[in-house]
Amino acid sequence: MSNKSRIPLIDLELAKRLHKALTASSDELFQVLTDPDMQVLRSTFKNQNINEDHLLTLLKRRDLTEELLKLIYQLDISKHSHRLQVALVKNPGTPGPVALALLPFLHLFELVDLCIIPGVTPDQKFGAERAILQRLPTTELGNKMTLARRATATVVGAILKEGNARLVEICLGSPRLREVDILQFINSAAASPETISMVARHSKWKSRPNLKLAVLKNSRTPAIWFTLYLPQLRTPDVRNLLASRRLSPSQKKLVQDELKKRCAG
């Protein structure tokens, strides 16, 4: 029996596929890149015809191993292709260190898209959000306005806390904004009479009990909100409000007047 006849058929088949990966034409490579064997896919990287389009097609697969994704990251073509860098970051199998290394190369709204695409991993989302937050101080107002409409709760909350009235109005309308972020904003030095009033009259937030109390405990809150809110509070809450050290003298008088009305009644 010859040596050739002893070679398992499966090995011969794999050998043919590996040879094809090394020698395929540009058009043929697209078919090779559907191969389920990572060894075959790895061999295509040595094919002189492989280009950016081939790798972009490959990166659409969600079954690639971390090892293979690292190899793609290390290719010279990947170091000079923005599209490949974005595709690598978006692939859920890309190792965390590789994704983090690539985030600084992504544009602002590519980072936003990464946060909200289906299948994004928690690490990818966290890394993208952190990269966005790091850029906020130097981000122009127009882009911040777009971020306030499109970004995640973490980013919208950070923009709200800057206190810019134009941004506050947009943030309050975001479906991703959390009540806790509004509470933190109202209790911060960035809240102004104007922006506190925006919260107090906003259709989505004006009826939240915790927000009402936070509004009334801010010394910068306009008197109109005491006039409107105090009658809605329970008497124990009004008494607790009177004990707050944060109220201005004029605000305290409004609270005292409300308590007097209730006692007289």
Protein backbone atom coordinates (compact mmCIF):
# COMPACT_ATOMS: atom_id res chain seq x y z
CA MET A 1 0.00 0.00 0.00
CA SER A 2 1.42 3.37 -0.99
CA ASN A 3 2.01 6.17 1.51
CA LYS A 4 -0.52 8.32 -0.34
CA SER A 5 -3.28 5.76 0.17
CA ARG A 6 -2.70 5.89 3.93
CA ILE A 7 -3.47 9.63 4.14
CA PRO A 8 -6.98 10.15 5.58
CA LEU A 9 -9.40 11.66 3.11
CA ILE A 10 -10.30 14.42 5.57
CA ASP A 11 -6.67 15.55 5.65
CA LEU A 12 -6.52 15.57 1.86
CA GLU A 13 -9.69 17.68 1.74
CA LEU A 14 -8.28 20.13 4.30
CA ALA A 15 -5.00 20.31 2.40
CA LYS A 16 -6.89 21.26 -0.76
CA ARG A 17 -8.78 23.99 1.09
CA LEU A 18 -5.57 25.32 2.62
CA HIS A 19 -3.94 25.41 -0.81
CA LYS A 20 -6.97 27.20 -2.20
CA ALA A 21 -6.74 29.78 0.61
CA LEU A 22 -3.14 30.54 -0.37
CA THR A 23 -3.67 30.67 -4.15
CA ALA A 24 -7.26 31.84 -4.72
CA SER A 25 -7.92 34.82 -6.95
CA SER A 26 -9.52 37.95 -5.54
CA ASP A 27 -13.01 36.80 -6.56
CA GLU A 28 -12.46 33.25 -5.32
CA LEU A 29 -11.32 34.49 -1.92
CA PHE A 30 -14.83 35.61 -0.98
CA GLN A 31 -15.95 31.97 -1.19
CA VAL A 32 -12.90 30.75 0.73
CA LEU A 33 -13.75 33.18 3.54
CA THR A 34 -16.95 31.23 4.23
CA ASP A 35 -14.92 28.18 5.27
CA PRO A 36 -15.73 27.02 8.84
CA ASP A 37 -12.11 26.07 9.61
CA MET A 38 -10.10 28.85 11.32
CA GLN A 39 -6.88 27.35 9.93
CA VAL A 40 -8.15 27.89 6.39
CA LEU A 41 -9.19 31.45 7.19
CA ARG A 42 -5.79 32.15 8.73
CA SER A 43 -4.10 30.92 5.57
CA THR A 44 -5.92 33.52 3.48
CA PHE A 45 -3.90 36.22 5.24
CA LYS A 46 -0.87 34.99 3.30
CA ASN A 47 -2.68 35.26 -0.01
CA GLN A 48 -1.25 38.14 -2.06
CA ASN A 49 -4.73 38.98 -3.39
CA ILE A 50 -6.38 39.61 -0.03
CA ASN A 51 -7.56 43.18 0.45
CA GLU A 52 -9.71 45.40 2.66
CA ASP A 53 -13.00 44.23 1.15
CA HIS A 54 -12.17 40.61 1.87
CA LEU A 55 -11.40 41.35 5.50
CA LEU A 56 -14.52 43.47 5.91
CA THR A 57 -16.54 40.53 4.63
CA LEU A 58 -14.77 38.18 7.03
CA LEU A 59 -15.38 40.48 10.01
CA LYS A 60 -19.15 40.22 9.47
CA ARG A 61 -18.89 36.64 10.76
CA ARG A 62 -19.70 36.18 14.44
CA ASP A 63 -17.98 32.81 14.86
CA LEU A 64 -14.38 34.01 14.54
CA THR A 65 -12.01 33.04 17.35
CA GLU A 66 -10.16 35.60 19.44
CA GLU A 67 -6.90 34.33 18.01
CA LEU A 68 -8.04 34.98 14.45
CA LEU A 69 -9.35 38.43 15.33
CA LYS A 70 -6.01 39.29 16.93
CA LEU A 71 -4.26 38.25 13.72
CA ILE A 72 -6.54 40.51 11.67
CA TYR A 73 -5.74 43.38 14.05
CA GLN A 74 -2.01 42.77 13.57
CA LEU A 75 -2.15 42.85 9.76
CA ASP A 76 -0.54 45.92 8.18
CA ILE A 77 -3.68 46.58 6.16
CA SER A 78 -5.71 46.84 9.38
CA LYS A 79 -3.35 49.44 10.82
CA HIS A 80 -4.06 51.76 7.89
CA SER A 81 -7.76 51.09 7.30
CA HIS A 82 -10.33 53.00 9.32
CA ARG A 83 -13.13 50.77 8.03
CA LEU A 84 -11.34 47.67 9.27
CA GLN A 85 -10.72 49.26 12.66
CA VAL A 86 -14.42 50.02 13.02
CA ALA A 87 -15.40 46.52 11.89
CA LEU A 88 -12.99 44.97 14.37
CA VAL A 89 -14.39 46.98 17.27
CA LYS A 90 -17.95 46.05 16.30
CA ASN A 91 -17.26 42.32 16.15
CA PRO A 92 -18.42 40.88 19.51
CA GLY A 93 -15.60 38.33 19.50
CA THR A 94 -12.80 40.90 19.39
CA PRO A 95 -10.71 40.64 22.58
CA GLY A 96 -11.17 43.50 25.03
CA PRO A 97 -7.57 44.78 24.86
CA VAL A 98 -7.77 44.97 21.05
CA ALA A 99 -11.11 46.81 21.09
CA LEU A 100 -9.86 49.28 23.71
CA ALA A 101 -6.72 49.95 21.67
CA LEU A 102 -8.87 50.79 18.63
CA LEU A 103 -11.49 53.03 20.31
CA PRO A 104 -9.38 56.22 20.10
CA PHE A 105 -9.35 55.85 16.30
CA LEU A 106 -13.14 55.82 15.99
CA HIS A 107 -15.12 58.96 15.21
CA LEU A 108 -17.51 60.31 17.85
CA PHE A 109 -20.71 58.97 16.33
CA GLU A 110 -19.11 55.65 15.45
CA LEU A 111 -18.64 55.29 19.20
CA VAL A 112 -22.31 56.13 19.72
CA ASP A 113 -23.34 53.50 17.17
CA LEU A 114 -21.14 50.96 18.93
CA CYS A 115 -23.04 51.56 22.18
CA ILE A 116 -26.44 50.79 20.70
CA ILE A 117 -25.91 48.12 18.02
CA PRO A 118 -27.54 44.74 18.73
CA GLY A 119 -25.15 42.20 20.23
CA VAL A 120 -22.68 44.71 21.66
CA THR A 121 -20.90 43.30 24.69
CA PRO A 122 -20.94 45.12 28.07
CA ASP A 123 -17.18 45.71 27.79
CA GLN A 124 -17.53 47.22 24.31
CA LYS A 125 -20.34 49.50 25.45
CA PHE A 126 -18.48 50.59 28.58
CA GLY A 127 -15.31 51.31 26.62
CA ALA A 128 -17.17 53.30 23.96
CA GLU A 129 -19.05 55.33 26.58
CA ARG A 130 -15.82 56.12 28.40
CA ALA A 131 -14.22 57.27 25.14
CA ILE A 132 -17.20 59.55 24.44
CA LEU A 133 -17.09 61.03 27.95
CA GLN A 134 -13.37 61.75 27.58
CA ARG A 135 -14.11 63.78 24.43
CA LEU A 136 -17.06 65.76 25.83
CA PRO A 137 -14.98 68.71 27.10
CA THR A 138 -13.76 69.43 23.56
CA THR A 139 -16.94 68.45 21.70
CA GLU A 140 -18.71 71.35 19.99
CA LEU A 141 -22.24 72.31 21.01
CA GLY A 142 -23.91 71.03 17.84
CA ASN A 143 -22.46 67.56 18.30
CA LYS A 144 -23.42 67.57 21.98
CA MET A 145 -26.99 68.36 20.96
CA THR A 146 -26.99 65.33 18.68
CA LEU A 147 -25.43 63.19 21.41
CA ALA A 148 -28.16 64.31 23.82
CA ARG A 149 -30.73 62.88 21.40
CA ARG A 150 -28.94 59.68 20.39
CA ALA A 151 -26.50 58.60 23.07
CA THR A 152 -26.85 56.17 25.98
CA ALA A 153 -28.17 57.03 29.44
CA THR A 154 -24.64 57.45 30.79
CA VAL A 155 -23.68 59.98 28.12
CA VAL A 156 -26.99 61.87 28.22
CA GLY A 157 -26.69 62.12 32.01
CA ALA A 158 -23.18 63.56 31.71
CA ILE A 159 -24.33 66.15 29.16
CA LEU A 160 -27.27 67.14 31.37
CA LYS A 161 -24.94 67.78 34.29
CA GLU A 162 -23.06 70.40 32.28
CA GLY A 163 -26.07 72.65 32.83
CA ASN A 164 -26.23 74.30 29.39
CA ALA A 165 -29.89 75.30 28.99
CA ARG A 166 -30.07 74.27 25.32
CA LEU A 167 -28.65 70.88 26.15
CA VAL A 168 -30.80 70.42 29.26
CA GLU A 169 -33.98 70.82 27.23
CA ILE A 170 -32.88 68.12 24.78
CA CYS A 171 -31.63 65.76 27.49
CA LEU A 172 -34.96 65.93 29.32
CA GLY A 173 -36.66 64.65 26.18
CA SER A 174 -34.31 61.70 25.78
CA PRO A 175 -36.03 58.33 26.31
CA ARG A 176 -32.78 57.07 27.84
CA LEU A 177 -32.40 59.73 30.54
CA ARG A 178 -32.66 58.36 34.10
CA GLU A 179 -34.40 60.06 37.01
CA VAL A 180 -31.31 59.63 39.17
CA ASP A 181 -29.29 61.78 36.75
CA ILE A 182 -31.87 64.56 36.98
CA LEU A 183 -31.78 64.40 40.78
CA GLN A 184 -28.00 64.69 40.74
CA PHE A 185 -28.24 67.62 38.34
CA ILE A 186 -30.82 69.51 40.43
CA ASN A 187 -28.66 69.04 43.52
CA SER A 188 -25.53 70.30 41.75
CA ALA A 189 -24.08 73.77 41.38
CA ALA A 190 -24.72 73.60 37.62
CA ALA A 191 -28.50 73.86 38.06
CA SER A 192 -29.84 77.38 37.45
CA PRO A 193 -33.30 78.89 38.00
CA GLU A 194 -33.93 78.47 34.27
CA THR A 195 -32.90 74.81 34.04
CA ILE A 196 -34.64 73.89 37.31
CA SER A 197 -37.83 75.34 35.81
CA MET A 198 -37.28 73.22 32.69
CA VAL A 199 -37.38 70.11 34.85
CA ALA A 200 -40.35 71.35 36.88
CA ARG A 201 -42.54 72.00 33.83
CA HIS A 202 -41.45 69.06 31.67
CA SER A 203 -44.40 66.80 30.83
CA LYS A 204 -42.42 63.61 31.52
CA TRP A 205 -40.79 64.62 34.79
CA LYS A 206 -42.99 67.23 36.49
CA SER A 207 -45.10 64.67 38.37
CA ARG A 208 -42.24 62.65 39.88
CA PRO A 209 -42.43 63.01 43.71
CA ASN A 210 -38.66 62.76 44.23
CA LEU A 211 -38.01 65.42 41.62
CA LYS A 212 -40.62 67.74 43.10
CA LEU A 213 -38.93 67.56 46.49
CA ALA A 214 -35.50 68.07 44.94
CA VAL A 215 -36.77 71.15 43.09
CA LEU A 216 -38.19 72.59 46.32
CA LYS A 217 -34.96 71.98 48.23
CA ASN A 218 -32.85 74.02 45.82
CA SER A 219 -32.20 77.60 46.92
CA ARG A 220 -32.17 78.70 43.27
CA THR A 221 -35.68 77.41 42.53
CA PRO A 222 -38.03 80.23 41.46
CA ALA A 223 -40.89 81.02 43.89
CA ILE A 224 -43.54 79.97 41.34
CA TRP A 225 -42.71 76.30 41.94
CA PHE A 226 -43.26 76.67 45.66
CA THR A 227 -46.65 78.22 44.92
CA LEU A 228 -47.58 75.33 42.62
CA TYR A 229 -45.97 72.41 44.43
CA LEU A 230 -46.48 73.09 48.15
CA PRO A 231 -50.28 72.56 48.11
CA GLN A 232 -49.68 69.11 46.58
CA LEU A 233 -47.35 67.91 49.36
CA ARG A 234 -48.34 65.98 52.44
CA THR A 235 -48.04 67.97 55.66
CA PRO A 236 -45.12 65.83 56.97
CA ASP A 237 -43.22 66.55 53.73
CA VAL A 238 -43.89 70.29 54.11
CA ARG A 239 -42.54 70.19 57.69
CA ASN A 240 -39.46 68.29 56.54
CA LEU A 241 -38.93 70.85 53.82
CA LEU A 242 -39.06 73.65 56.36
CA ALA A 243 -36.24 71.94 58.28
CA SER A 244 -33.96 71.99 55.22
CA ARG A 245 -30.92 74.22 55.60
CA ARG A 246 -30.68 74.74 51.86
CA LEU A 247 -33.68 77.03 51.50
CA SER A 248 -33.33 80.77 51.13
CA PRO A 249 -35.15 83.03 53.62
CA SER A 250 -37.83 83.89 51.07
CA GLN A 251 -38.37 80.19 50.30
CA LYS A 252 -38.67 79.37 54.01
CA LYS A 253 -41.35 82.02 54.35
CA LEU A 254 -43.36 80.41 51.54
CA VAL A 255 -43.16 77.07 53.32
CA GLN A 256 -44.12 78.62 56.65
CA ASP A 257 -47.09 80.35 55.01
CA GLU A 258 -48.26 77.02 53.60
CA LEU A 259 -48.10 75.40 57.03
CA LYS A 260 -50.02 78.31 58.57
CA LYS A 261 -52.79 77.87 55.97
CA ARG A 262 -53.09 74.22 56.90
CA CYS A 263 -53.15 74.93 60.62
CA ALA A 264 -55.78 77.63 60.15
CA GLY A 265 -57.87 75.26 58.11
